[in-house]
PDB file of N, CA and C in Angstrom:
ATOM      1  N   MET A   1      14.001   3.857   0.068  1.00  0.00           N
ATOM      2  CA  MET A   1      13.466   4.264  -1.210  1.00  0.00           C
ATOM      3  C   MET A   1      14.326   3.683  -2.304  1.00  0.00           C
ATOM      4  N   ARG A   2      15.623   3.577  -2.074  1.00  0.00           N
ATOM      5  CA  ARG A   2      16.518   3.055  -3.086  1.00  0.00           C
ATOM      6  C   ARG A   2      16.158   1.616  -3.417  1.00  0.00           C
ATOM      7  N   GLU A   3      15.752   0.859  -2.415  1.00  0.00           N
ATOM      8  CA  GLU A   3      15.486  -0.595  -2.610  1.00  0.00           C
ATOM      9  C   GLU A   3      14.211  -0.744  -3.439  1.00  0.00           C
ATOM     10  N   MET A   4      13.236   0.166  -3.367  1.00  0.00           N
ATOM     11  CA  MET A   4      12.077   0.097  -4.142  1.00  0.00           C
ATOM     12  C   MET A   4      12.288   0.257  -5.590  1.00  0.00           C
ATOM     13  N   GLY A   5      13.196   1.110  -5.951  1.00  0.00           N
ATOM     14  CA  GLY A   5      13.564   1.334  -7.328  1.00  0.00           C
ATOM     15  C   GLY A   5      12.556   2.309  -7.965  1.00  0.00           C
ATOM     16  N   PRO A   6      12.899   2.722  -9.150  1.00  0.00           N
ATOM     17  CA  PRO A   6      12.003   3.733  -9.791  1.00  0.00           C
ATOM     18  C   PRO A   6      10.840   3.006 -10.500  1.00  0.00           C
ATOM     19  N   PHE A   7       9.766   3.712 -10.799  1.00  0.00           N
ATOM     20  CA  PHE A   7       8.722   3.197 -11.606  1.00  0.00           C
ATOM     21  C   PHE A   7       9.176   3.073 -13.080  1.00  0.00           C
ATOM     22  N   ASP A   8       8.845   2.027 -13.737  1.00  0.00           N
ATOM     23  CA  ASP A   8       9.250   1.873 -15.115  1.00  0.00           C
ATOM     24  C   ASP A   8       8.067   1.393 -15.979  1.00  0.00           C
ATOM     25  N   SER A   9       8.314   1.060 -17.234  1.00  0.00           N
ATOM     26  CA  SER A   9       7.227   0.669 -18.117  1.00  0.00           C
ATOM     27  C   SER A   9       6.604  -0.646 -17.686  1.00  0.00           C
ATOM     28  N   GLY A  10       7.342  -1.555 -17.140  1.00  0.00           N
ATOM     29  CA  GLY A  10       6.804  -2.823 -16.566  1.00  0.00           C
ATOM     30  C   GLY A  10       5.773  -2.588 -15.445  1.00  0.00           C
ATOM     31  N   ASP A  11       6.102  -1.521 -14.615  1.00  0.00           N
ATOM     32  CA  ASP A  11       5.209  -1.212 -13.556  1.00  0.00           C
ATOM     33  C   ASP A  11       3.897  -0.615 -14.114  1.00  0.00           C
ATOM     34  N   ALA A  12       3.978   0.206 -15.116  1.00  0.00           N
ATOM     35  CA  ALA A  12       2.733   0.760 -15.771  1.00  0.00           C
ATOM     36  C   ALA A  12       1.899  -0.356 -16.338  1.00  0.00           C
ATOM     37  N   ARG A  13       2.511  -1.364 -16.979  1.00  0.00           N
ATOM     38  CA  ARG A  13       1.788  -2.485 -17.521  1.00  0.00           C
ATOM     39  C   ARG A  13       1.119  -3.278 -16.412  1.00  0.00           C
ATOM     40  N   TRP A  14       1.820  -3.427 -15.294  1.00  0.00           N
ATOM     41  CA  TRP A  14       1.295  -4.157 -14.146  1.00  0.00           C
ATOM     42  C   TRP A  14       0.060  -3.427 -13.548  1.00  0.00           C
ATOM     43  N   LEU A  15       0.250  -2.131 -13.348  1.00  0.00           N
ATOM     44  CA  LEU A  15      -0.864  -1.341 -12.770  1.00  0.00           C
ATOM     45  C   LEU A  15      -2.097  -1.254 -13.613  1.00  0.00           C
ATOM     46  N   PHE A  16      -1.891  -1.069 -14.940  1.00  0.00           N
ATOM     47  CA  PHE A  16      -3.063  -0.863 -15.789  1.00  0.00           C
ATOM     48  C   PHE A  16      -3.476  -2.130 -16.513  1.00  0.00           C
ATOM     49  N   GLY A  17      -3.031  -3.284 -16.121  1.00  0.00           N
ATOM     50  CA  GLY A  17      -3.369  -4.559 -16.749  1.00  0.00           C
ATOM     51  C   GLY A  17      -4.399  -5.351 -16.006  1.00  0.00           C
ATOM     52  N   TRP A  18      -5.476  -4.647 -15.490  1.00  0.00           N
ATOM     53  CA  TRP A  18      -6.487  -5.399 -14.682  1.00  0.00           C
ATOM     54  C   TRP A  18      -7.255  -6.434 -15.509  1.00  0.00           C
ATOM     55  N   SER A  19      -7.392  -6.196 -16.795  1.00  0.00           N
ATOM     56  CA  SER A  19      -8.120  -7.189 -17.642  1.00  0.00           C
ATOM     57  C   SER A  19      -7.400  -8.510 -17.682  1.00  0.00           C
ATOM     58  N   ARG A  20      -6.142  -8.554 -17.478  1.00  0.00           N
ATOM     59  CA  ARG A  20      -5.428  -9.810 -17.505  1.00  0.00           C
ATOM     60  C   ARG A  20      -5.842 -10.787 -16.396  1.00  0.00           C
ATOM     61  N   PHE A  21      -6.323 -10.195 -15.274  1.00  0.00           N
ATOM     62  CA  PHE A  21      -6.836 -11.057 -14.205  1.00  0.00           C
ATOM     63  C   PHE A  21      -8.053 -11.801 -14.612  1.00  0.00           C
ATOM     64  N   ARG A  22      -8.927 -11.170 -15.399  1.00  0.00           N
ATOM     65  CA  ARG A  22     -10.175 -11.855 -15.863  1.00  0.00           C
ATOM     66  C   ARG A  22      -9.799 -12.892 -16.879  1.00  0.00           C
ATOM     67  N   ARG A  23      -8.799 -12.685 -17.678  1.00  0.00           N
ATOM     68  CA  ARG A  23      -8.402 -13.666 -18.717  1.00  0.00           C
ATOM     69  C   ARG A  23      -7.378 -14.709 -18.116  1.00  0.00           C
ATOM     70  N   ARG A  24      -7.031 -14.514 -16.856  1.00  0.00           N
ATOM     71  CA  ARG A  24      -6.104 -15.379 -16.175  1.00  0.00           C
ATOM     72  C   ARG A  24      -4.733 -15.472 -16.784  1.00  0.00           C
ATOM     73  N   GLU A  25      -4.286 -14.291 -17.284  1.00  0.00           N
ATOM     74  CA  GLU A  25      -2.935 -14.239 -17.866  1.00  0.00           C
ATOM     75  C   GLU A  25      -1.950 -13.945 -16.794  1.00  0.00           C
ATOM     76  N   PRO A  26      -0.684 -14.361 -16.968  1.00  0.00           N
ATOM     77  CA  PRO A  26       0.329 -14.047 -15.981  1.00  0.00           C
ATOM     78  C   PRO A  26       0.671 -12.541 -15.990  1.00  0.00           C
ATOM     79  N   ALA A  27       1.099 -12.097 -14.831  1.00  0.00           N
ATOM     80  CA  ALA A  27       1.461 -10.671 -14.721  1.00  0.00           C
ATOM     81  C   ALA A  27       2.772 -10.410 -15.431  1.00  0.00           C
ATOM     82  N   PRO A  28       2.998  -9.197 -15.868  1.00  0.00           N
ATOM     83  CA  PRO A  28       4.331  -8.923 -16.540  1.00  0.00           C
ATOM     84  C   PRO A  28       5.444  -9.119 -15.519  1.00  0.00           C
ATOM     85  N   PRO A  29       6.631  -9.382 -15.931  1.00  0.00           N
ATOM     86  CA  PRO A  29       7.740  -9.601 -15.036  1.00  0.00           C
ATOM     87  C   PRO A  29       7.958  -8.358 -14.157  1.00  0.00           C
ATOM     88  N   GLN A  30       8.328  -8.609 -12.965  1.00  0.00           N
ATOM     89  CA  GLN A  30       8.562  -7.477 -11.943  1.00  0.00           C
ATOM     90  C   GLN A  30       9.876  -7.744 -11.302  1.00  0.00           C
ATOM     91  N   GLY A  31      10.378  -6.703 -10.629  1.00  0.00           N
ATOM     92  CA  GLY A  31      11.584  -6.853  -9.868  1.00  0.00           C
ATOM     93  C   GLY A  31      11.249  -7.331  -8.498  1.00  0.00           C
ATOM     94  N   ARG A  32      12.057  -6.905  -7.523  1.00  0.00           N
ATOM     95  CA  ARG A  32      11.868  -7.368  -6.148  1.00  0.00           C
ATOM     96  C   ARG A  32      10.536  -6.899  -5.617  1.00  0.00           C
ATOM     97  N   PHE A  33      10.095  -5.687  -5.946  1.00  0.00           N
ATOM     98  CA  PHE A  33       8.800  -5.156  -5.559  1.00  0.00           C
ATOM     99  C   PHE A  33       7.935  -4.953  -6.781  1.00  0.00           C
ATOM    100  N   ASN A  34       6.651  -5.325  -6.721  1.00  0.00           N
ATOM    101  CA  ASN A  34       5.790  -5.044  -7.877  1.00  0.00           C
ATOM    102  C   ASN A  34       5.294  -3.636  -7.780  1.00  0.00           C
ATOM    103  N   ALA A  35       4.595  -3.167  -8.826  1.00  0.00           N
ATOM    104  CA  ALA A  35       4.173  -1.805  -8.935  1.00  0.00           C
ATOM    105  C   ALA A  35       3.182  -1.397  -7.802  1.00  0.00           C
ATOM    106  N   GLY A  36       2.306  -2.354  -7.382  1.00  0.00           N
ATOM    107  CA  GLY A  36       1.376  -2.110  -6.299  1.00  0.00           C
ATOM    108  C   GLY A  36       2.110  -1.816  -4.992  1.00  0.00           C
ATOM    109  N   GLN A  37       3.165  -2.573  -4.756  1.00  0.00           N
ATOM    110  CA  GLN A  37       3.974  -2.347  -3.528  1.00  0.00           C
ATOM    111  C   GLN A  37       4.721  -1.019  -3.580  1.00  0.00           C
ATOM    112  N   LYS A  38       5.177  -0.616  -4.751  1.00  0.00           N
ATOM    113  CA  LYS A  38       5.830   0.668  -4.902  1.00  0.00           C
ATOM    114  C   LYS A  38       4.878   1.799  -4.691  1.00  0.00           C
ATOM    115  N   LEU A  39       3.654   1.644  -5.264  1.00  0.00           N
ATOM    116  CA  LEU A  39       2.629   2.682  -5.151  1.00  0.00           C
ATOM    117  C   LEU A  39       2.219   2.829  -3.703  1.00  0.00           C
ATOM    118  N   ASN A  40       2.003   1.685  -3.036  1.00  0.00           N
ATOM    119  CA  ASN A  40       1.643   1.650  -1.632  1.00  0.00           C
ATOM    120  C   ASN A  40       2.676   2.340  -0.784  1.00  0.00           C
ATOM    121  N   SER A  41       3.898   2.050  -0.980  1.00  0.00           N
ATOM    122  CA  SER A  41       4.993   2.685  -0.186  1.00  0.00           C
ATOM    123  C   SER A  41       5.034   4.189  -0.437  1.00  0.00           C
ATOM    124  N   ALA A  42       4.859   4.639  -1.673  1.00  0.00           N
ATOM    125  CA  ALA A  42       4.865   6.059  -1.948  1.00  0.00           C
ATOM    126  C   ALA A  42       3.710   6.767  -1.295  1.00  0.00           C
ATOM    127  N   LEU A  43       2.468   6.134  -1.332  1.00  0.00           N
ATOM    128  CA  LEU A  43       1.319   6.705  -0.691  1.00  0.00           C
ATOM    129  C   LEU A  43       1.489   6.789   0.830  1.00  0.00           C
ATOM    130  N   VAL A  44       1.900   5.732   1.413  1.00  0.00           N
ATOM    131  CA  VAL A  44       2.091   5.774   2.860  1.00  0.00           C
ATOM    132  C   VAL A  44       3.178   6.721   3.291  1.00  0.00           C
ATOM    133  N   GLY A  45       4.253   6.758   2.501  1.00  0.00           N
ATOM    134  CA  GLY A  45       5.366   7.724   2.824  1.00  0.00           C
ATOM    135  C   GLY A  45       4.834   9.162   2.766  1.00  0.00           C
ATOM    136  N   ALA A  46       4.104   9.478   1.676  1.00  0.00           N
ATOM    137  CA  ALA A  46       3.591  10.818   1.551  1.00  0.00           C
ATOM    138  C   ALA A  46       2.609  11.189   2.657  1.00  0.00           C
ATOM    139  N   LEU A  47       1.744  10.226   3.016  1.00  0.00           N
ATOM    140  CA  LEU A  47       0.818  10.527   4.020  1.00  0.00           C
ATOM    141  C   LEU A  47       1.511  10.719   5.408  1.00  0.00           C
ATOM    142  N   MET A  48       2.591   9.980   5.656  1.00  0.00           N
ATOM    143  CA  MET A  48       3.319  10.131   6.884  1.00  0.00           C
ATOM    144  C   MET A  48       4.026  11.471   6.949  1.00  0.00           C
ATOM    145  N   VAL A  49       4.503  11.955   5.828  1.00  0.00           N
ATOM    146  CA  VAL A  49       5.130  13.287   5.805  1.00  0.00           C
ATOM    147  C   VAL A  49       4.043  14.335   6.099  1.00  0.00           C
ATOM    148  N   VAL A  50       2.836  14.212   5.501  1.00  0.00           N
ATOM    149  CA  VAL A  50       1.742  15.130   5.804  1.00  0.00           C
ATOM    150  C   VAL A  50       1.363  15.066   7.288  1.00  0.00           C
ATOM    151  N   MET A  51       1.294  13.846   7.877  1.00  0.00           N
ATOM    152  CA  MET A  51       0.973  13.727   9.263  1.00  0.00           C
ATOM    153  C   MET A  51       2.030  14.446  10.150  1.00  0.00           C
ATOM    154  N   PHE A  52       3.292  14.213   9.782  1.00  0.00           N
ATOM    155  CA  PHE A  52       4.376  14.840  10.577  1.00  0.00           C
ATOM    156  C   PHE A  52       4.345  16.357  10.523  1.00  0.00           C
ATOM    157  N   VAL A  53       4.140  16.892   9.306  1.00  0.00           N
ATOM    158  CA  VAL A  53       4.132  18.368   9.178  1.00  0.00           C
ATOM    159  C   VAL A  53       2.951  19.009   9.893  1.00  0.00           C
ATOM    160  N   THR A  54       1.795  18.398   9.736  1.00  0.00           N
ATOM    161  CA  THR A  54       0.635  18.948  10.416  1.00  0.00           C
ATOM    162  C   THR A  54       0.743  18.718  11.899  1.00  0.00           C
ATOM    163  N   GLY A  55       1.331  17.667  12.371  1.00  0.00           N
ATOM    164  CA  GLY A  55       1.547  17.446  13.811  1.00  0.00           C
ATOM    165  C   GLY A  55       2.521  18.459  14.364  1.00  0.00           C
ATOM    166  N   VAL A  56       3.549  18.836  13.660  1.00  0.00           N
ATOM    167  CA  VAL A  56       4.522  19.846  14.117  1.00  0.00           C
ATOM    168  C   VAL A  56       3.791  21.231  14.221  1.00  0.00           C
ATOM    169  N   LEU A  57       2.938  21.456  13.162  1.00  0.00           N
ATOM    170  CA  LEU A  57       2.161  22.730  13.229  1.00  0.00           C
ATOM    171  C   LEU A  57       1.284  22.780  14.391  1.00  0.00           C
ATOM    172  N   PHE A  58       0.610  21.649  14.767  1.00  0.00           N
ATOM    173  CA  PHE A  58      -0.177  21.604  15.951  1.00  0.00           C
ATOM    174  C   PHE A  58       0.625  21.961  17.190  1.00  0.00           C
ATOM    175  N   TRP A  59       1.765  21.334  17.266  1.00  0.00           N
ATOM    176  CA  TRP A  59       2.666  21.506  18.429  1.00  0.00           C
ATOM    177  C   TRP A  59       3.123  22.957  18.546  1.00  0.00           C
ATOM    178  N   LEU A  60       3.564  23.499  17.415  1.00  0.00           N
ATOM    179  CA  LEU A  60       3.991  24.905  17.402  1.00  0.00           C
ATOM    180  C   LEU A  60       2.803  25.887  17.626  1.00  0.00           C
ATOM    181  N   GLY A  61       1.648  25.529  17.152  1.00  0.00           N
ATOM    182  CA  GLY A  61       0.523  26.371  17.313  1.00  0.00           C
ATOM    183  C   GLY A  61       0.038  26.528  18.753  1.00  0.00           C
ATOM    184  N   LYS A  62       0.391  25.617  19.589  1.00  0.00           N
ATOM    185  CA  LYS A  62       0.108  25.711  21.042  1.00  0.00           C
ATOM    186  C   LYS A  62       0.951  26.723  21.706  1.00  0.00           C
ATOM    187  N   ARG A  63       2.160  26.938  21.121  1.00  0.00           N
ATOM    188  CA  ARG A  63       3.096  27.855  21.751  1.00  0.00           C
ATOM    189  C   ARG A  63       3.066  29.257  21.111  1.00  0.00           C
ATOM    190  N   ASP A  64       2.710  29.330  19.837  1.00  0.00           N
ATOM    191  CA  ASP A  64       2.745  30.613  19.122  1.00  0.00           C
ATOM    192  C   ASP A  64       1.588  30.630  18.109  1.00  0.00           C
ATOM    193  N   ILE A  65       0.778  31.613  18.282  1.00  0.00           N
ATOM    194  CA  ILE A  65      -0.441  31.706  17.437  1.00  0.00           C
ATOM    195  C   ILE A  65      -0.183  31.870  15.930  1.00  0.00           C
ATOM    196  N   ARG A  66       1.033  32.251  15.578  1.00  0.00           N
ATOM    197  CA  ARG A  66       1.374  32.437  14.145  1.00  0.00           C
ATOM    198  C   ARG A  66       1.334  31.107  13.401  1.00  0.00           C
ATOM    199  N   TYR A  67       1.484  29.997  14.068  1.00  0.00           N
ATOM    200  CA  TYR A  67       1.504  28.685  13.447  1.00  0.00           C
ATOM    201  C   TYR A  67       0.161  28.002  13.334  1.00  0.00           C
ATOM    202  N   ARG A  68      -0.916  28.666  13.758  1.00  0.00           N
ATOM    203  CA  ARG A  68      -2.233  28.118  13.676  1.00  0.00           C
ATOM    204  C   ARG A  68      -2.864  28.423  12.343  1.00  0.00           C
ATOM    205  N   PHE A  69      -3.013  27.375  11.545  1.00  0.00           N
ATOM    206  CA  PHE A  69      -3.607  27.554  10.161  1.00  0.00           C
ATOM    207  C   PHE A  69      -4.950  26.811  10.159  1.00  0.00           C
ATOM    208  N   ALA A  70      -5.910  27.423   9.443  1.00  0.00           N
ATOM    209  CA  ALA A  70      -7.270  26.939   9.444  1.00  0.00           C
ATOM    210  C   ALA A  70      -7.395  25.525   8.885  1.00  0.00           C
ATOM    211  N   GLY A  71      -6.656  25.169   7.882  1.00  0.00           N
ATOM    212  CA  GLY A  71      -6.839  23.865   7.218  1.00  0.00           C
ATOM    213  C   GLY A  71      -5.998  22.752   7.817  1.00  0.00           C
ATOM    214  N   THR A  72      -5.209  23.053   8.844  1.00  0.00           N
ATOM    215  CA  THR A  72      -4.285  21.990   9.367  1.00  0.00           C
ATOM    216  C   THR A  72      -5.087  20.814   9.907  1.00  0.00           C
ATOM    217  N   VAL A  73      -6.124  21.116  10.682  1.00  0.00           N
ATOM    218  CA  VAL A  73      -6.885  20.051  11.312  1.00  0.00           C
ATOM    219  C   VAL A  73      -7.596  19.145  10.246  1.00  0.00           C
ATOM    220  N   ILE A  74      -8.081  19.789   9.211  1.00  0.00           N
ATOM    221  CA  ILE A  74      -8.750  18.986   8.132  1.00  0.00           C
ATOM    222  C   ILE A  74      -7.782  18.128   7.362  1.00  0.00           C
ATOM    223  N   VAL A  75      -6.640  18.723   7.059  1.00  0.00           N
ATOM    224  CA  VAL A  75      -5.603  17.917   6.330  1.00  0.00           C
ATOM    225  C   VAL A  75      -5.126  16.776   7.201  1.00  0.00           C
ATOM    226  N   HIS A  76      -4.878  16.977   8.488  1.00  0.00           N
ATOM    227  CA  HIS A  76      -4.430  16.005   9.392  1.00  0.00           C
ATOM    228  C   HIS A  76      -5.467  14.852   9.525  1.00  0.00           C
ATOM    229  N   ASP A  77      -6.746  15.261   9.639  1.00  0.00           N
ATOM    230  CA  ASP A  77      -7.798  14.284   9.784  1.00  0.00           C
ATOM    231  C   ASP A  77      -8.001  13.472   8.515  1.00  0.00           C
ATOM    232  N   TRP A  78      -7.943  14.042   7.367  1.00  0.00           N
ATOM    233  CA  TRP A  78      -8.054  13.245   6.102  1.00  0.00           C
ATOM    234  C   TRP A  78      -6.882  12.345   5.928  1.00  0.00           C
ATOM    235  N   ALA A  79      -5.733  12.767   6.265  1.00  0.00           N
ATOM    236  CA  ALA A  79      -4.515  11.898   6.155  1.00  0.00           C
ATOM    237  C   ALA A  79      -4.630  10.690   7.125  1.00  0.00           C
ATOM    238  N   THR A  80      -5.159  10.977   8.313  1.00  0.00           N
ATOM    239  CA  THR A  80      -5.379   9.849   9.259  1.00  0.00           C
ATOM    240  C   THR A  80      -6.419   8.920   8.682  1.00  0.00           C
ATOM    241  N   CYS A  81      -7.563   9.409   8.152  1.00  0.00           N
ATOM    242  CA  CYS A  81      -8.558   8.503   7.579  1.00  0.00           C
ATOM    243  C   CYS A  81      -8.035   7.694   6.456  1.00  0.00           C
ATOM    244  N   LEU A  82      -7.200   8.282   5.570  1.00  0.00           N
ATOM    245  CA  LEU A  82      -6.659   7.529   4.456  1.00  0.00           C
ATOM    246  C   LEU A  82      -5.691   6.451   4.948  1.00  0.00           C
ATOM    247  N   LEU A  83      -4.859   6.768   5.935  1.00  0.00           N
ATOM    248  CA  LEU A  83      -3.938   5.782   6.494  1.00  0.00           C
ATOM    249  C   LEU A  83      -4.663   4.595   7.139  1.00  0.00           C
ATOM    250  N   VAL A  84      -5.726   4.914   7.956  1.00  0.00           N
ATOM    251  CA  VAL A  84      -6.484   3.847   8.579  1.00  0.00           C
ATOM    252  C   VAL A  84      -7.179   2.975   7.534  1.00  0.00           C
ATOM    253  N   ALA A  85      -7.814   3.655   6.542  1.00  0.00           N
ATOM    254  CA  ALA A  85      -8.496   2.885   5.448  1.00  0.00           C
ATOM    255  C   ALA A  85      -7.494   2.014   4.750  1.00  0.00           C
ATOM    256  N   ARG A  86      -6.249   2.475   4.502  1.00  0.00           N
ATOM    257  CA  ARG A  86      -5.276   1.699   3.824  1.00  0.00           C
ATOM    258  C   ARG A  86      -4.847   0.470   4.635  1.00  0.00           C
ATOM    259  N   VAL A  87      -4.697   0.634   5.926  1.00  0.00           N
ATOM    260  CA  VAL A  87      -4.332  -0.499   6.794  1.00  0.00           C
ATOM    261  C   VAL A  87      -5.470  -1.499   6.807  1.00  0.00           C
ATOM    262  N   VAL A  88      -6.707  -1.049   7.020  1.00  0.00           N
ATOM    263  CA  VAL A  88      -7.840  -2.000   7.048  1.00  0.00           C
ATOM    264  C   VAL A  88      -8.024  -2.717   5.717  1.00  0.00           C
ATOM    265  N   ALA A  89      -7.901  -1.965   4.611  1.00  0.00           N
ATOM    266  CA  ALA A  89      -8.036  -2.642   3.295  1.00  0.00           C
ATOM    267  C   ALA A  89      -6.904  -3.633   3.047  1.00  0.00           C
ATOM    268  N   HIS A  90      -5.783  -3.416   3.660  1.00  0.00           N
ATOM    269  CA  HIS A  90      -4.679  -4.356   3.465  1.00  0.00           C
ATOM    270  C   HIS A  90      -4.859  -5.632   4.305  1.00  0.00           C
ATOM    271  N   LEU A  91      -5.436  -5.439   5.513  1.00  0.00           N
ATOM    272  CA  LEU A  91      -5.525  -6.614   6.411  1.00  0.00           C
ATOM    273  C   LEU A  91      -6.808  -7.440   6.197  1.00  0.00           C
ATOM    274  N   LEU A  92      -7.858  -6.862   5.703  1.00  0.00           N
ATOM    275  CA  LEU A  92      -9.105  -7.591   5.520  1.00  0.00           C
ATOM    276  C   LEU A  92      -9.044  -8.826   4.607  1.00  0.00           C
ATOM    277  N   PRO A  93      -8.394  -8.738   3.481  1.00  0.00           N
ATOM    278  CA  PRO A  93      -8.316  -9.974   2.658  1.00  0.00           C
ATOM    279  C   PRO A  93      -7.609 -11.167   3.389  1.00  0.00           C
ATOM    280  N   GLY A  94      -6.635 -10.814   4.218  1.00  0.00           N
ATOM    281  CA  GLY A  94      -5.851 -11.849   4.924  1.00  0.00           C
ATOM    282  C   GLY A  94      -6.637 -12.474   6.085  1.00  0.00           C
ATOM    283  N   ALA A  95      -7.689 -11.744   6.569  1.00  0.00           N
ATOM    284  CA  ALA A  95      -8.433 -12.216   7.724  1.00  0.00           C
ATOM    285  C   ALA A  95      -9.615 -13.040   7.380  1.00  0.00           C
ATOM    286  N   ARG A  96      -9.922 -13.220   6.026  1.00  0.00           N
ATOM    287  CA  ARG A  96     -11.043 -14.035   5.656  1.00  0.00           C
ATOM    288  C   ARG A  96     -10.589 -15.479   5.535  1.00  0.00           C
ATOM    289  N   PRO A  97     -11.447 -16.417   5.857  1.00  0.00           N
ATOM    290  CA  PRO A  97     -11.139 -17.832   5.752  1.00  0.00           C
ATOM    291  C   PRO A  97     -11.030 -18.225   4.264  1.00  0.00           C
ATOM    292  N   PRO A  98     -10.226 -19.119   3.845  1.00  0.00           N
ATOM    293  CA  PRO A  98      -9.161 -19.737   4.663  1.00  0.00           C
ATOM    294  C   PRO A  98      -8.044 -18.720   4.980  1.00  0.00           C
ATOM    295  N   LEU A  99      -7.367 -18.934   6.044  1.00  0.00           N
ATOM    296  CA  LEU A  99      -6.436 -17.975   6.580  1.00  0.00           C
ATOM    297  C   LEU A  99      -5.013 -18.159   6.081  1.00  0.00           C
ATOM    298  N   HIS A 100      -4.869 -18.573   4.817  1.00  0.00           N
ATOM    299  CA  HIS A 100      -3.516 -18.794   4.270  1.00  0.00           C
ATOM    300  C   HIS A 100      -2.768 -17.440   4.190  1.00  0.00           C
ATOM    301  N   ALA A 101      -3.445 -16.388   3.723  1.00  0.00           N
ATOM    302  CA  ALA A 101      -2.753 -15.098   3.587  1.00  0.00           C
ATOM    303  C   ALA A 101      -2.365 -14.569   4.999  1.00  0.00           C
ATOM    304  N   LEU A 102      -3.212 -14.669   5.997  1.00  0.00           N
ATOM    305  CA  LEU A 102      -2.906 -14.222   7.330  1.00  0.00           C
ATOM    306  C   LEU A 102      -1.702 -14.975   7.883  1.00  0.00           C
ATOM    307  N   ARG A 103      -1.679 -16.321   7.637  1.00  0.00           N
ATOM    308  CA  ARG A 103      -0.499 -17.080   8.117  1.00  0.00           C
ATOM    309  C   ARG A 103       0.722 -16.576   7.448  1.00  0.00           C
ATOM    310  N   ARG A 104       0.646 -16.282   6.159  1.00  0.00           N
ATOM    311  CA  ARG A 104       1.869 -15.845   5.406  1.00  0.00           C
ATOM    312  C   ARG A 104       2.310 -14.482   5.904  1.00  0.00           C
ATOM    313  N   MET A 105       1.340 -13.572   6.324  1.00  0.00           N
ATOM    314  CA  MET A 105       1.757 -12.269   6.859  1.00  0.00           C
ATOM    315  C   MET A 105       2.471 -12.436   8.217  1.00  0.00           C
ATOM    316  N   VAL A 106       1.984 -13.362   9.032  1.00  0.00           N
ATOM    317  CA  VAL A 106       2.583 -13.550  10.342  1.00  0.00           C
ATOM    318  C   VAL A 106       3.878 -14.297  10.311  1.00  0.00           C
ATOM    319  N   VAL A 107       3.915 -15.401   9.541  1.00  0.00           N
ATOM    320  CA  VAL A 107       5.096 -16.260   9.502  1.00  0.00           C
ATOM    321  C   VAL A 107       6.189 -15.655   8.566  1.00  0.00           C
ATOM    322  N   GLY A 108       5.674 -15.096   7.385  1.00  0.00           N
ATOM    323  CA  GLY A 108       6.615 -14.495   6.464  1.00  0.00           C
ATOM    324  C   GLY A 108       7.076 -15.385   5.362  1.00  0.00           C
ATOM    325  N   ASP A 109       6.521 -16.606   5.223  1.00  0.00           N
ATOM    326  CA  ASP A 109       6.958 -17.493   4.160  1.00  0.00           C
ATOM    327  C   ASP A 109       5.793 -17.667   3.115  1.00  0.00           C
ATOM    328  N   VAL A 110       6.170 -17.926   1.919  1.00  0.00           N
ATOM    329  CA  VAL A 110       5.180 -18.121   0.875  1.00  0.00           C
ATOM    330  C   VAL A 110       5.539 -19.404   0.137  1.00  0.00           C
ATOM    331  N   ASP A 111       4.529 -20.304   0.074  1.00  0.00           N
ATOM    332  CA  ASP A 111       4.792 -21.576  -0.663  1.00  0.00           C
ATOM    333  C   ASP A 111       4.441 -21.270  -2.108  1.00  0.00           C
ATOM    334  N   ARG A 112       5.432 -21.529  -2.973  1.00  0.00           N
ATOM    335  CA  ARG A 112       5.186 -21.223  -4.406  1.00  0.00           C
ATOM    336  C   ARG A 112       4.120 -22.071  -4.981  1.00  0.00           C
ATOM    337  N   ASP A 113       3.872 -23.248  -4.514  1.00  0.00           N
ATOM    338  CA  ASP A 113       2.869 -24.173  -5.088  1.00  0.00           C
ATOM    339  C   ASP A 113       1.667 -24.362  -4.174  1.00  0.00           C
ATOM    340  N   GLY A 114       1.574 -23.527  -3.110  1.00  0.00           N
ATOM    341  CA  GLY A 114       0.545 -23.651  -2.127  1.00  0.00           C
ATOM    342  C   GLY A 114      -0.822 -23.107  -2.608  1.00  0.00           C
ATOM    343  N   PRO A 115      -1.800 -23.055  -1.721  1.00  0.00           N
ATOM    344  CA  PRO A 115      -3.124 -22.528  -2.057  1.00  0.00           C
ATOM    345  C   PRO A 115      -3.020 -21.073  -2.476  1.00  0.00           C
ATOM    346  N   GLY A 116      -3.725 -20.766  -3.538  1.00  0.00           N
ATOM    347  CA  GLY A 116      -3.745 -19.397  -4.014  1.00  0.00           C
ATOM    348  C   GLY A 116      -2.613 -19.135  -5.055  1.00  0.00           C
ATOM    349  N   ALA A 117      -1.842 -20.210  -5.358  1.00  0.00           N
ATOM    350  CA  ALA A 117      -0.761 -19.986  -6.365  1.00  0.00           C
ATOM    351  C   ALA A 117      -1.312 -19.928  -7.774  1.00  0.00           C
ATOM    352  N   ILE A 118      -0.582 -19.272  -8.655  1.00  0.00           N
ATOM    353  CA  ILE A 118      -0.961 -19.190 -10.006  1.00  0.00           C
ATOM    354  C   ILE A 118      -0.251 -20.329 -10.791  1.00  0.00           C
ATOM    355  N   THR A 119      -1.020 -21.065 -11.507  1.00  0.00           N
ATOM    356  CA  THR A 119      -0.461 -22.128 -12.300  1.00  0.00           C
ATOM    357  C   THR A 119      -0.706 -21.812 -13.798  1.00  0.00           C
ATOM    358  N   ARG A 120      -0.197 -22.684 -14.687  1.00  0.00           N
ATOM    359  CA  ARG A 120      -0.406 -22.438 -16.100  1.00  0.00           C
ATOM    360  C   ARG A 120      -1.898 -22.463 -16.451  1.00  0.00           C
ATOM    361  N   SER A 121      -2.610 -23.317 -15.756  1.00  0.00           N
ATOM    362  CA  SER A 121      -4.043 -23.414 -16.077  1.00  0.00           C
ATOM    363  C   SER A 121      -4.897 -22.376 -15.379  1.00  0.00           C
ATOM    364  N   GLY A 122      -4.277 -21.507 -14.546  1.00  0.00           N
ATOM    365  CA  GLY A 122      -5.011 -20.470 -13.864  1.00  0.00           C
ATOM    366  C   GLY A 122      -4.915 -20.480 -12.329  1.00  0.00           C
ATOM    367  N   TRP A 123      -5.755 -19.792 -11.670  1.00  0.00           N
ATOM    368  CA  TRP A 123      -5.734 -19.705 -10.201  1.00  0.00           C
ATOM    369  C   TRP A 123      -6.161 -21.038  -9.606  1.00  0.00           C
ATOM    370  N   ARG A 124      -5.533 -21.439  -8.495  1.00  0.00           N
ATOM    371  CA  ARG A 124      -5.994 -22.606  -7.751  1.00  0.00           C
ATOM    372  C   ARG A 124      -6.830 -22.173  -6.516  1.00  0.00           C
TER     373      ARG A 124
END
């Protein structure tokens, strides 16, 4: 969490600046991680904590009836659905042809001037 850093005003401008994509303006300067990556990490981390707590309650509920709560199954199921939807939504754009994004996810390198790069004249 320390490497992600705190949310700041630049992150707010990045998150709420969707109109800049239509006008093809460059994104505000970001640190090592942009606001979307920070938000994604916070969401996945929170959902994993929910999954862990509800899973422990399931485990304890098998041994002692005092730990059986009515909403535990629903909360666990919704957290699972949100995590699966997050993973699918993250992988689908990379699986569409051309497979530049999928190659970048697998190999781990990004060509600054390659396909999909942002230039002064806009998207390539």
